[in-house]
């Protein structure tokens, strides 16, 4: 299990076990939101790091009908 998953599981556990309407509950929800925002930012960085797939050829006999990029 990765450290991100275990941190998220414990954060969710803390947020769900905190009494609603208390300072502890509000703090737990703030930590949960920050954790989710950090994970979203990390996921966006990974997605942006992916290379772009090449487009189909515009002319000629090869690469104009079927994109077989692997």
C-alpha atoms as a PDB file:
ATOM      1  CA  UNK A   1       0.000   0.000   0.000  1.00  0.00           C
ATOM      2  CA  UNK A   2       1.468   3.360  -0.937  1.00  0.00           C
ATOM      3  CA  UNK A   3       2.009   6.146   1.553  1.00  0.00           C
ATOM      4  CA  UNK A   4      -0.522   8.349  -0.265  1.00  0.00           C
ATOM      5  CA  UNK A   5      -3.247   5.725   0.145  1.00  0.00           C
ATOM      6  CA  UNK A   6      -2.527   5.149   3.823  1.00  0.00           C
ATOM      7  CA  UNK A   7      -2.436   8.881   4.552  1.00  0.00           C
ATOM      8  CA  UNK A   8      -5.744   9.328   2.784  1.00  0.00           C
ATOM      9  CA  UNK A   9      -7.334   6.419   4.642  1.00  0.00           C
ATOM     10  CA  UNK A  10      -6.264   7.766   8.019  1.00  0.00           C
ATOM     11  CA  UNK A  11      -7.348  11.290   7.074  1.00  0.00           C
ATOM     12  CA  UNK A  12     -10.768  10.064   6.014  1.00  0.00           C
ATOM     13  CA  UNK A  13     -11.022   8.015   9.198  1.00  0.00           C
ATOM     14  CA  UNK A  14     -10.202  11.026  11.339  1.00  0.00           C
ATOM     15  CA  UNK A  15     -12.637  13.253   9.481  1.00  0.00           C
ATOM     16  CA  UNK A  16     -15.469  10.736   9.712  1.00  0.00           C
ATOM     17  CA  UNK A  17     -14.923   9.976  13.399  1.00  0.00           C
ATOM     18  CA  UNK A  18     -14.809  13.634  14.488  1.00  0.00           C
ATOM     19  CA  UNK A  19     -17.983  15.007  15.998  1.00  0.00           C
ATOM     20  CA  UNK A  20     -19.765  17.395  13.633  1.00  0.00           C
ATOM     21  CA  UNK A  21     -19.996  21.007  14.772  1.00  0.00           C
ATOM     22  CA  UNK A  22     -16.835  20.862  16.850  1.00  0.00           C
ATOM     23  CA  UNK A  23     -13.450  22.446  16.347  1.00  0.00           C
ATOM     24  CA  UNK A  24     -11.944  18.978  15.921  1.00  0.00           C
ATOM     25  CA  UNK A  25     -14.518  18.133  13.263  1.00  0.00           C
ATOM     26  CA  UNK A  26     -13.850  21.345  11.365  1.00  0.00           C
ATOM     27  CA  UNK A  27     -10.098  20.807  11.559  1.00  0.00           C
ATOM     28  CA  UNK A  28     -10.432  17.209  10.358  1.00  0.00           C
ATOM     29  CA  UNK A  29     -12.500  18.347   7.367  1.00  0.00           C
ATOM     30  CA  UNK A  30      -9.956  21.053   6.527  1.00  0.00           C
ATOM     31  CA  UNK A  31      -7.159  18.477   6.581  1.00  0.00           C
ATOM     32  CA  UNK A  32      -9.239  16.143   4.403  1.00  0.00           C
ATOM     33  CA  UNK A  33      -9.886  18.920   1.870  1.00  0.00           C
ATOM     34  CA  UNK A  34      -6.202  19.896   1.773  1.00  0.00           C
ATOM     35  CA  UNK A  35      -5.206  16.258   1.293  1.00  0.00           C
ATOM     36  CA  UNK A  36      -7.658  15.848  -1.575  1.00  0.00           C
ATOM     37  CA  UNK A  37      -6.433  19.096  -3.171  1.00  0.00           C
ATOM     38  CA  UNK A  38      -2.823  17.898  -2.936  1.00  0.00           C
ATOM     39  CA  UNK A  39      -3.742  14.578  -4.534  1.00  0.00           C
ATOM     40  CA  UNK A  40      -5.631  16.348  -7.320  1.00  0.00           C
ATOM     41  CA  UNK A  41      -2.626  18.583  -8.006  1.00  0.00           C
ATOM     42  CA  UNK A  42      -0.332  15.547  -8.125  1.00  0.00           C
ATOM     43  CA  UNK A  43      -2.677  13.734 -10.501  1.00  0.00           C
ATOM     44  CA  UNK A  44      -2.815  16.765 -12.806  1.00  0.00           C
ATOM     45  CA  UNK A  45       0.994  16.909 -12.889  1.00  0.00           C
ATOM     46  CA  UNK A  46       1.115  13.242 -13.883  1.00  0.00           C
ATOM     47  CA  UNK A  47      -1.489  13.729 -16.605  1.00  0.00           C
ATOM     48  CA  UNK A  48       0.320  16.778 -17.991  1.00  0.00           C
ATOM     49  CA  UNK A  49       3.597  14.818 -18.052  1.00  0.00           C
ATOM     50  CA  UNK A  50       2.168  12.224 -20.460  1.00  0.00           C
ATOM     51  CA  UNK A  51       3.444  12.555 -24.032  1.00  0.00           C
ATOM     52  CA  UNK A  52       0.966  13.553 -26.713  1.00  0.00           C
ATOM     53  CA  UNK A  53      -0.015  10.795 -29.144  1.00  0.00           C
ATOM     54  CA  UNK A  54       1.070  11.512 -32.702  1.00  0.00           C
ATOM     55  CA  UNK A  55      -1.700  12.423 -35.118  1.00  0.00           C
ATOM     56  CA  UNK A  56      -2.623  10.495 -38.238  1.00  0.00           C
ATOM     57  CA  UNK A  57      -0.720  11.242 -41.420  1.00  0.00           C
ATOM     58  CA  UNK A  58      -2.398  13.823 -43.630  1.00  0.00           C
ATOM     59  CA  UNK A  59      -1.343  12.335 -46.957  1.00  0.00           C
ATOM     60  CA  UNK A  60       0.132   9.208 -48.484  1.00  0.00           C
ATOM     61  CA  UNK A  61      -0.731   5.520 -48.302  1.00  0.00           C
ATOM     62  CA  UNK A  62       0.437   4.802 -44.746  1.00  0.00           C
ATOM     63  CA  UNK A  63      -1.093   6.158 -41.576  1.00  0.00           C
ATOM     64  CA  UNK A  64      -4.143   7.845 -43.057  1.00  0.00           C
ATOM     65  CA  UNK A  65      -6.753   5.183 -42.322  1.00  0.00           C
ATOM     66  CA  UNK A  66      -5.784   3.558 -39.031  1.00  0.00           C
ATOM     67  CA  UNK A  67      -3.894   4.912 -36.047  1.00  0.00           C
ATOM     68  CA  UNK A  68      -1.889   2.006 -34.597  1.00  0.00           C
ATOM     69  CA  UNK A  69       0.277   4.013 -32.213  1.00  0.00           C
ATOM     70  CA  UNK A  70       1.236   1.872 -29.240  1.00  0.00           C
END
